[in-house]
Amino acid sequence: MRYTTKTEYGVICLAHMAKKPWPGASIAKEIAEHEGFSVTFTEKILQGLRRAGITTSQQGNKGGWSLTRPSTEITLKEIIEALEGSTFEAFCDIKHRKSIVCTHFSLCKLKPVWYKTQKTLDELYQTITLKMIAEDMMGLAQKPELAFVPRTRP
């Protein structure tokens, strides 16, 4: 599992947008400058998110980029799928199997592990909303208390 810079920047751009009251608009140049990204790359990311129905754009005085719905309704899973295609790609999946040589596909003991990994990630990412990410980036999310339990030797 490896996510590209496009996904990292996309999540950051969306979190930046989510900090404004919905349906507030953000200018790509403003987002890029605030986050230290290139304007061209930011616009390309936002266009990909628009194709996925996560963002929308409007020209004119009060134009800019905005979320298509409140940040509580946009999940990390949806964002990753929009920018990467899926949360986790099992190389033995049907769409990838044609391009690899696997002589033990029918006997493979790892297939269930890869499919379970994808299912687990999908379920986890479905519970994480853009609002949660934006709040954490702003330092508003509550941090869980960490309890350290001393190790005992057997």
N, C-alpha and C. Protein backbone atom coordinates (compact mmCIF):
# COMPACT_ATOMS: atom_id res chain seq x y z
N MET A 1 0.85 -1.17 0.00
CA MET A 1 0.00 0.00 0.00
C MET A 1 0.89 1.22 0.00
N ARG A 2 0.72 2.03 -1.03
CA ARG A 2 1.50 3.25 -1.13
C ARG A 2 0.62 4.31 -1.78
N TYR A 3 0.53 5.45 -1.14
CA TYR A 3 -0.26 6.54 -1.71
C TYR A 3 0.68 7.59 -2.27
N THR A 4 0.25 8.21 -3.35
CA THR A 4 1.08 9.18 -4.04
C THR A 4 0.96 10.55 -3.37
N THR A 5 1.85 11.44 -3.80
CA THR A 5 1.81 12.82 -3.34
C THR A 5 0.47 13.45 -3.70
N LYS A 6 -0.10 13.05 -4.83
CA LYS A 6 -1.39 13.58 -5.25
C LYS A 6 -2.45 13.34 -4.18
N THR A 7 -2.46 12.15 -3.59
CA THR A 7 -3.44 11.85 -2.55
C THR A 7 -3.15 12.63 -1.28
N GLU A 8 -1.89 12.67 -0.89
CA GLU A 8 -1.52 13.45 0.31
C GLU A 8 -1.93 14.91 0.14
N TYR A 9 -1.56 15.51 -0.98
CA TYR A 9 -1.89 16.91 -1.23
C TYR A 9 -3.40 17.09 -1.36
N GLY A 10 -4.07 16.12 -1.98
CA GLY A 10 -5.51 16.20 -2.14
C GLY A 10 -6.23 16.24 -0.80
N VAL A 11 -5.83 15.40 0.12
CA VAL A 11 -6.43 15.38 1.46
C VAL A 11 -6.17 16.71 2.15
N ILE A 12 -4.95 17.22 2.03
CA ILE A 12 -4.60 18.50 2.66
C ILE A 12 -5.41 19.65 2.05
N CYS A 13 -5.55 19.66 0.72
CA CYS A 13 -6.35 20.70 0.06
C CYS A 13 -7.81 20.63 0.52
N LEU A 14 -8.36 19.44 0.58
CA LEU A 14 -9.74 19.29 1.02
C LEU A 14 -9.92 19.70 2.48
N ALA A 15 -8.95 19.35 3.32
CA ALA A 15 -9.02 19.74 4.74
C ALA A 15 -8.97 21.26 4.84
N HIS A 16 -8.14 21.90 4.02
CA HIS A 16 -8.07 23.36 3.99
C HIS A 16 -9.45 23.93 3.64
N MET A 17 -10.09 23.35 2.63
CA MET A 17 -11.41 23.81 2.22
C MET A 17 -12.46 23.55 3.30
N ALA A 18 -12.32 22.44 4.02
CA ALA A 18 -13.29 22.06 5.04
C ALA A 18 -13.24 22.97 6.26
N LYS A 19 -12.17 23.72 6.41
CA LYS A 19 -12.06 24.64 7.54
C LYS A 19 -13.00 25.84 7.39
N LYS A 20 -13.44 26.09 6.16
CA LYS A 20 -14.39 27.19 5.91
C LYS A 20 -15.80 26.67 6.12
N PRO A 21 -16.71 27.55 6.53
CA PRO A 21 -18.11 27.09 6.65
C PRO A 21 -18.62 26.65 5.28
N TRP A 22 -19.31 25.50 5.25
CA TRP A 22 -19.83 24.98 4.00
C TRP A 22 -21.00 25.81 3.55
N PRO A 23 -21.16 26.16 2.32
CA PRO A 23 -20.43 25.79 1.12
C PRO A 23 -19.43 26.87 0.67
N GLY A 24 -18.64 27.36 1.56
CA GLY A 24 -17.66 28.40 1.24
C GLY A 24 -16.70 27.99 0.14
N ALA A 25 -16.23 28.98 -0.61
CA ALA A 25 -15.33 28.71 -1.73
C ALA A 25 -13.90 29.08 -1.37
N SER A 26 -12.96 28.37 -1.95
CA SER A 26 -11.53 28.62 -1.79
C SER A 26 -10.91 28.78 -3.16
N ILE A 27 -9.95 29.65 -3.27
CA ILE A 27 -9.24 29.86 -4.52
C ILE A 27 -8.04 28.91 -4.55
N ALA A 28 -7.82 28.24 -5.69
CA ALA A 28 -6.71 27.28 -5.80
C ALA A 28 -5.38 27.93 -5.45
N LYS A 29 -5.17 29.16 -5.89
CA LYS A 29 -3.92 29.86 -5.60
C LYS A 29 -3.74 30.08 -4.10
N GLU A 30 -4.82 30.42 -3.42
CA GLU A 30 -4.79 30.62 -1.97
C GLU A 30 -4.42 29.32 -1.25
N ILE A 31 -5.06 28.22 -1.66
CA ILE A 31 -4.78 26.91 -1.05
C ILE A 31 -3.32 26.56 -1.28
N ALA A 32 -2.87 26.69 -2.53
CA ALA A 32 -1.50 26.32 -2.90
C ALA A 32 -0.48 27.14 -2.10
N GLU A 33 -0.69 28.44 -2.01
CA GLU A 33 0.26 29.29 -1.29
C GLU A 33 0.25 28.97 0.20
N HIS A 34 -0.93 28.76 0.76
CA HIS A 34 -1.04 28.47 2.19
C HIS A 34 -0.37 27.14 2.55
N GLU A 35 -0.51 26.16 1.66
CA GLU A 35 0.02 24.82 1.94
C GLU A 35 1.41 24.59 1.36
N GLY A 36 1.90 25.54 0.56
CA GLY A 36 3.24 25.40 -0.02
C GLY A 36 3.27 24.47 -1.22
N PHE A 37 2.17 24.37 -1.95
CA PHE A 37 2.07 23.52 -3.13
C PHE A 37 2.15 24.37 -4.38
N SER A 38 2.41 23.73 -5.51
CA SER A 38 2.37 24.44 -6.79
C SER A 38 0.90 24.67 -7.15
N VAL A 39 0.61 25.83 -7.74
CA VAL A 39 -0.76 26.15 -8.13
C VAL A 39 -1.24 25.17 -9.20
N THR A 40 -0.38 24.86 -10.15
CA THR A 40 -0.74 23.96 -11.25
C THR A 40 -1.13 22.58 -10.72
N PHE A 41 -0.31 22.04 -9.80
CA PHE A 41 -0.60 20.72 -9.24
C PHE A 41 -1.87 20.76 -8.40
N THR A 42 -2.07 21.82 -7.64
CA THR A 42 -3.28 21.97 -6.82
C THR A 42 -4.52 21.98 -7.71
N GLU A 43 -4.46 22.74 -8.81
CA GLU A 43 -5.60 22.78 -9.73
C GLU A 43 -5.87 21.41 -10.35
N LYS A 44 -4.82 20.70 -10.69
CA LYS A 44 -4.97 19.36 -11.28
C LYS A 44 -5.65 18.41 -10.28
N ILE A 45 -5.24 18.48 -9.03
CA ILE A 45 -5.84 17.65 -7.98
C ILE A 45 -7.31 17.99 -7.81
N LEU A 46 -7.61 19.29 -7.73
CA LEU A 46 -8.99 19.73 -7.53
C LEU A 46 -9.87 19.32 -8.72
N GLN A 47 -9.32 19.33 -9.92
CA GLN A 47 -10.07 18.90 -11.09
C GLN A 47 -10.40 17.40 -11.00
N GLY A 48 -9.44 16.61 -10.54
CA GLY A 48 -9.69 15.18 -10.34
C GLY A 48 -10.77 14.94 -9.30
N LEU A 49 -10.75 15.74 -8.25
CA LEU A 49 -11.77 15.63 -7.21
C LEU A 49 -13.13 16.10 -7.72
N ARG A 50 -13.12 17.04 -8.65
CA ARG A 50 -14.38 17.50 -9.26
C ARG A 50 -14.98 16.36 -10.11
N ARG A 51 -14.13 15.66 -10.87
CA ARG A 51 -14.62 14.54 -11.68
C ARG A 51 -15.24 13.46 -10.80
N ALA A 52 -14.75 13.34 -9.58
CA ALA A 52 -15.28 12.33 -8.65
C ALA A 52 -16.49 12.84 -7.88
N GLY A 53 -16.86 14.11 -8.08
CA GLY A 53 -18.03 14.66 -7.40
C GLY A 53 -17.78 15.14 -5.98
N ILE A 54 -16.52 15.34 -5.63
CA ILE A 54 -16.20 15.79 -4.27
C ILE A 54 -16.09 17.31 -4.21
N THR A 55 -15.57 17.92 -5.28
CA THR A 55 -15.48 19.38 -5.34
C THR A 55 -16.24 19.88 -6.54
N THR A 56 -16.47 21.17 -6.53
CA THR A 56 -17.08 21.85 -7.66
C THR A 56 -16.39 23.20 -7.79
N SER A 57 -16.45 23.77 -8.97
CA SER A 57 -15.82 25.08 -9.17
C SER A 57 -16.80 26.03 -9.81
N GLN A 58 -16.57 27.30 -9.54
CA GLN A 58 -17.42 28.33 -10.10
C GLN A 58 -16.55 29.51 -10.49
N GLN A 59 -16.80 30.06 -11.66
CA GLN A 59 -16.07 31.22 -12.16
C GLN A 59 -16.68 32.49 -11.58
N GLY A 60 -15.93 33.59 -11.63
CA GLY A 60 -16.48 34.90 -11.28
C GLY A 60 -16.01 35.43 -9.95
N ASN A 61 -16.61 36.59 -9.57
CA ASN A 61 -16.23 37.29 -8.34
C ASN A 61 -16.30 36.41 -7.10
N LYS A 62 -17.37 35.69 -6.96
CA LYS A 62 -17.54 34.85 -5.77
C LYS A 62 -17.25 33.40 -6.10
N GLY A 63 -16.43 33.20 -7.10
CA GLY A 63 -16.11 31.85 -7.55
C GLY A 63 -14.99 31.22 -6.74
N GLY A 64 -14.60 30.06 -7.18
CA GLY A 64 -13.55 29.30 -6.53
C GLY A 64 -13.96 27.85 -6.43
N TRP A 65 -13.24 27.12 -5.62
CA TRP A 65 -13.50 25.69 -5.42
C TRP A 65 -14.24 25.50 -4.11
N SER A 66 -15.23 24.62 -4.13
CA SER A 66 -15.94 24.30 -2.90
C SER A 66 -16.28 22.82 -2.86
N LEU A 67 -16.58 22.36 -1.67
CA LEU A 67 -16.99 20.97 -1.47
C LEU A 67 -18.41 20.81 -1.96
N THR A 68 -18.74 19.67 -2.53
CA THR A 68 -20.10 19.45 -3.04
C THR A 68 -21.09 19.15 -1.92
N ARG A 69 -20.58 18.81 -0.75
CA ARG A 69 -21.44 18.53 0.41
C ARG A 69 -20.63 18.76 1.68
N PRO A 70 -21.26 18.80 2.82
CA PRO A 70 -20.53 19.06 4.06
C PRO A 70 -19.40 18.05 4.30
N SER A 71 -18.36 18.49 4.98
CA SER A 71 -17.18 17.64 5.23
C SER A 71 -17.50 16.42 6.08
N THR A 72 -18.61 16.44 6.80
CA THR A 72 -19.02 15.27 7.59
C THR A 72 -19.51 14.13 6.69
N GLU A 73 -19.81 14.45 5.42
CA GLU A 73 -20.34 13.45 4.51
C GLU A 73 -19.31 12.94 3.50
N ILE A 74 -18.10 13.44 3.58
CA ILE A 74 -17.03 13.01 2.66
C ILE A 74 -16.05 12.16 3.45
N THR A 75 -15.81 10.93 2.96
CA THR A 75 -14.95 10.01 3.71
C THR A 75 -13.56 9.93 3.08
N LEU A 76 -12.62 9.50 3.89
CA LEU A 76 -11.25 9.29 3.41
C LEU A 76 -11.24 8.24 2.31
N LYS A 77 -12.07 7.23 2.44
CA LYS A 77 -12.17 6.18 1.40
C LYS A 77 -12.55 6.78 0.07
N GLU A 78 -13.52 7.65 0.08
CA GLU A 78 -13.98 8.30 -1.15
C GLU A 78 -12.87 9.16 -1.76
N ILE A 79 -12.14 9.87 -0.93
CA ILE A 79 -11.05 10.73 -1.41
C ILE A 79 -9.94 9.88 -2.05
N ILE A 80 -9.53 8.83 -1.34
CA ILE A 80 -8.47 7.97 -1.86
C ILE A 80 -8.89 7.31 -3.17
N GLU A 81 -10.11 6.81 -3.21
CA GLU A 81 -10.59 6.18 -4.45
C GLU A 81 -10.63 7.18 -5.60
N ALA A 82 -10.98 8.43 -5.31
CA ALA A 82 -11.02 9.46 -6.36
C ALA A 82 -9.63 9.75 -6.92
N LEU A 83 -8.62 9.70 -6.06
CA LEU A 83 -7.28 10.09 -6.48
C LEU A 83 -6.37 8.91 -6.83
N GLU A 84 -6.63 7.75 -6.24
CA GLU A 84 -5.77 6.58 -6.47
C GLU A 84 -6.46 5.45 -7.24
N GLY A 85 -7.77 5.40 -7.17
CA GLY A 85 -8.50 4.32 -7.82
C GLY A 85 -9.04 3.32 -6.80
N SER A 86 -8.27 3.03 -5.76
CA SER A 86 -8.74 2.16 -4.68
C SER A 86 -7.83 2.35 -3.47
N THR A 87 -8.28 1.87 -2.33
CA THR A 87 -7.50 2.03 -1.10
C THR A 87 -6.33 1.06 -1.03
N PHE A 88 -6.51 -0.11 -1.63
CA PHE A 88 -5.47 -1.14 -1.60
C PHE A 88 -5.69 -2.03 -2.80
N GLU A 89 -4.66 -2.26 -3.56
CA GLU A 89 -4.80 -3.12 -4.73
C GLU A 89 -4.08 -4.44 -4.50
N ALA A 90 -4.87 -5.47 -4.46
CA ALA A 90 -4.31 -6.81 -4.39
C ALA A 90 -3.88 -7.17 -5.81
N PHE A 91 -2.60 -7.43 -6.00
CA PHE A 91 -2.10 -7.67 -7.35
C PHE A 91 -2.70 -8.92 -7.98
N CYS A 92 -3.27 -9.78 -7.17
CA CYS A 92 -3.89 -10.97 -7.74
C CYS A 92 -5.36 -10.75 -8.07
N ASP A 93 -5.84 -9.52 -7.90
CA ASP A 93 -7.20 -9.18 -8.28
C ASP A 93 -7.36 -9.40 -9.79
N ILE A 94 -8.54 -9.67 -10.23
CA ILE A 94 -8.80 -9.99 -11.64
C ILE A 94 -8.26 -8.93 -12.59
N LYS A 95 -8.42 -7.65 -12.25
CA LYS A 95 -7.98 -6.59 -13.17
C LYS A 95 -6.46 -6.49 -13.28
N HIS A 96 -5.72 -7.04 -12.32
CA HIS A 96 -4.26 -7.01 -12.36
C HIS A 96 -3.65 -8.35 -12.76
N ARG A 97 -4.39 -9.41 -12.57
CA ARG A 97 -3.85 -10.76 -12.78
C ARG A 97 -3.37 -10.98 -14.20
N LYS A 98 -4.00 -10.33 -15.18
CA LYS A 98 -3.61 -10.51 -16.57
C LYS A 98 -2.21 -9.97 -16.86
N SER A 99 -1.78 -8.99 -16.07
CA SER A 99 -0.49 -8.35 -16.34
C SER A 99 0.65 -8.94 -15.52
N ILE A 100 0.38 -9.92 -14.66
CA ILE A 100 1.45 -10.54 -13.88
C ILE A 100 1.52 -12.03 -14.18
N VAL A 101 2.64 -12.59 -13.89
CA VAL A 101 2.81 -14.03 -14.06
C VAL A 101 2.78 -14.64 -12.67
N CYS A 102 1.76 -15.41 -12.42
CA CYS A 102 1.63 -16.06 -11.12
C CYS A 102 1.32 -17.53 -11.38
N THR A 103 2.27 -18.37 -11.08
CA THR A 103 2.12 -19.79 -11.38
C THR A 103 1.39 -20.55 -10.28
N HIS A 104 1.10 -19.90 -9.18
CA HIS A 104 0.46 -20.60 -8.08
C HIS A 104 -0.82 -19.90 -7.61
N PHE A 105 -1.50 -19.22 -8.52
CA PHE A 105 -2.70 -18.46 -8.16
C PHE A 105 -3.74 -19.33 -7.46
N SER A 106 -4.03 -20.50 -8.00
CA SER A 106 -5.09 -21.34 -7.43
C SER A 106 -4.69 -21.93 -6.07
N LEU A 107 -3.39 -22.02 -5.78
CA LEU A 107 -2.92 -22.58 -4.52
C LEU A 107 -2.47 -21.52 -3.51
N CYS A 108 -2.55 -20.26 -3.90
CA CYS A 108 -2.00 -19.17 -3.09
C CYS A 108 -2.70 -19.04 -1.74
N LYS A 109 -1.90 -19.01 -0.70
CA LYS A 109 -2.42 -18.86 0.66
C LYS A 109 -2.51 -17.39 1.07
N LEU A 110 -1.96 -16.49 0.25
CA LEU A 110 -1.96 -15.07 0.59
C LEU A 110 -3.18 -14.31 0.06
N LYS A 111 -3.87 -14.85 -0.93
CA LYS A 111 -5.03 -14.16 -1.49
C LYS A 111 -6.01 -13.71 -0.40
N PRO A 112 -6.39 -14.58 0.52
CA PRO A 112 -7.33 -14.14 1.56
C PRO A 112 -6.77 -13.00 2.41
N VAL A 113 -5.47 -12.99 2.62
CA VAL A 113 -4.84 -11.92 3.40
C VAL A 113 -4.97 -10.60 2.66
N TRP A 114 -4.68 -10.59 1.36
CA TRP A 114 -4.75 -9.35 0.58
C TRP A 114 -6.19 -8.84 0.53
N TYR A 115 -7.15 -9.73 0.32
CA TYR A 115 -8.54 -9.31 0.25
C TYR A 115 -9.03 -8.80 1.61
N LYS A 116 -8.61 -9.44 2.68
CA LYS A 116 -8.98 -9.00 4.03
C LYS A 116 -8.34 -7.64 4.32
N THR A 117 -7.11 -7.44 3.86
CA THR A 117 -6.44 -6.15 4.04
C THR A 117 -7.23 -5.05 3.36
N GLN A 118 -7.65 -5.29 2.12
CA GLN A 118 -8.43 -4.28 1.41
C GLN A 118 -9.76 -4.00 2.11
N LYS A 119 -10.43 -5.06 2.54
CA LYS A 119 -11.71 -4.89 3.23
C LYS A 119 -11.54 -4.11 4.53
N THR A 120 -10.49 -4.42 5.28
CA THR A 120 -10.22 -3.74 6.54
C THR A 120 -9.94 -2.26 6.31
N LEU A 121 -9.09 -1.96 5.32
CA LEU A 121 -8.79 -0.56 5.01
C LEU A 121 -10.04 0.19 4.55
N ASP A 122 -10.81 -0.43 3.68
CA ASP A 122 -12.04 0.20 3.20
C ASP A 122 -12.97 0.52 4.36
N GLU A 123 -13.14 -0.42 5.27
CA GLU A 123 -14.03 -0.20 6.41
C GLU A 123 -13.50 0.90 7.32
N LEU A 124 -12.20 0.91 7.56
CA LEU A 124 -11.60 1.96 8.40
C LEU A 124 -11.74 3.32 7.75
N TYR A 125 -11.33 3.43 6.50
CA TYR A 125 -11.36 4.72 5.80
C TYR A 125 -12.78 5.23 5.60
N GLN A 126 -13.76 4.34 5.58
CA GLN A 126 -15.15 4.76 5.45
C GLN A 126 -15.62 5.46 6.73
N THR A 127 -14.98 5.21 7.86
CA THR A 127 -15.38 5.83 9.13
C THR A 127 -14.68 7.16 9.39
N ILE A 128 -13.68 7.49 8.60
CA ILE A 128 -12.92 8.73 8.79
C ILE A 128 -13.46 9.78 7.83
N THR A 129 -14.01 10.86 8.40
CA THR A 129 -14.58 11.90 7.55
C THR A 129 -13.58 13.03 7.33
N LEU A 130 -13.84 13.80 6.31
CA LEU A 130 -13.00 14.97 6.02
C LEU A 130 -13.04 15.94 7.19
N LYS A 131 -14.17 16.07 7.83
CA LYS A 131 -14.27 16.95 9.01
C LYS A 131 -13.31 16.50 10.10
N MET A 132 -13.23 15.19 10.34
CA MET A 132 -12.32 14.66 11.36
C MET A 132 -10.87 15.00 11.00
N ILE A 133 -10.53 14.85 9.74
CA ILE A 133 -9.17 15.14 9.28
C ILE A 133 -8.89 16.63 9.44
N ALA A 134 -9.83 17.48 9.01
CA ALA A 134 -9.63 18.93 9.10
C ALA A 134 -9.49 19.38 10.54
N GLU A 135 -10.29 18.83 11.43
CA GLU A 135 -10.20 19.20 12.84
C GLU A 135 -8.87 18.78 13.44
N ASP A 136 -8.39 17.59 13.07
CA ASP A 136 -7.12 17.13 13.58
C ASP A 136 -5.98 18.01 13.07
N MET A 137 -6.07 18.42 11.80
CA MET A 137 -5.03 19.27 11.23
C MET A 137 -5.03 20.64 11.90
N MET A 138 -6.19 21.05 12.42
CA MET A 138 -6.28 22.33 13.11
C MET A 138 -5.95 22.17 14.59
N GLY A 139 -5.72 20.94 15.03
CA GLY A 139 -5.40 20.70 16.43
C GLY A 139 -6.61 20.69 17.33
N LEU A 140 -7.81 20.52 16.77
CA LEU A 140 -9.03 20.55 17.57
C LEU A 140 -9.49 19.17 18.02
N ALA A 141 -9.05 18.15 17.31
CA ALA A 141 -9.49 16.80 17.67
C ALA A 141 -8.90 16.41 19.02
N GLN A 142 -9.71 15.73 19.79
CA GLN A 142 -9.22 15.29 21.08
C GLN A 142 -8.24 14.15 20.89
N LYS A 143 -7.15 14.23 21.57
CA LYS A 143 -6.13 13.18 21.51
C LYS A 143 -6.44 12.15 22.60
N PRO A 144 -6.40 10.88 22.23
CA PRO A 144 -6.66 9.86 23.25
C PRO A 144 -5.53 9.82 24.26
N GLU A 145 -5.90 9.53 25.48
CA GLU A 145 -4.90 9.38 26.54
C GLU A 145 -4.12 8.09 26.29
N LEU A 146 -2.86 8.18 26.36
CA LEU A 146 -2.04 6.98 26.18
C LEU A 146 -1.69 6.43 27.55
N ALA A 147 -1.89 5.18 27.73
CA ALA A 147 -1.55 4.52 28.98
C ALA A 147 -0.40 3.56 28.70
N PHE A 148 0.66 3.73 29.40
CA PHE A 148 1.79 2.85 29.24
C PHE A 148 1.77 1.80 30.33
N VAL A 149 1.74 0.59 29.90
CA VAL A 149 1.72 -0.53 30.85
C VAL A 149 3.12 -1.13 30.85
N PRO A 150 3.73 -1.21 32.03
CA PRO A 150 5.08 -1.79 32.06
C PRO A 150 5.07 -3.25 31.63
N ARG A 151 6.11 -3.61 30.91
CA ARG A 151 6.25 -5.00 30.48
C ARG A 151 6.66 -5.87 31.66
N THR A 152 6.15 -7.06 31.66
CA THR A 152 6.59 -8.04 32.66
C THR A 152 7.29 -9.14 31.93
N ARG A 153 8.34 -9.60 32.51
CA ARG A 153 9.08 -10.70 31.90
C ARG A 153 8.52 -12.03 32.36
N PRO A 154 8.43 -12.97 31.43
CA PRO A 154 7.90 -14.29 31.80
C PRO A 154 8.82 -15.05 32.72
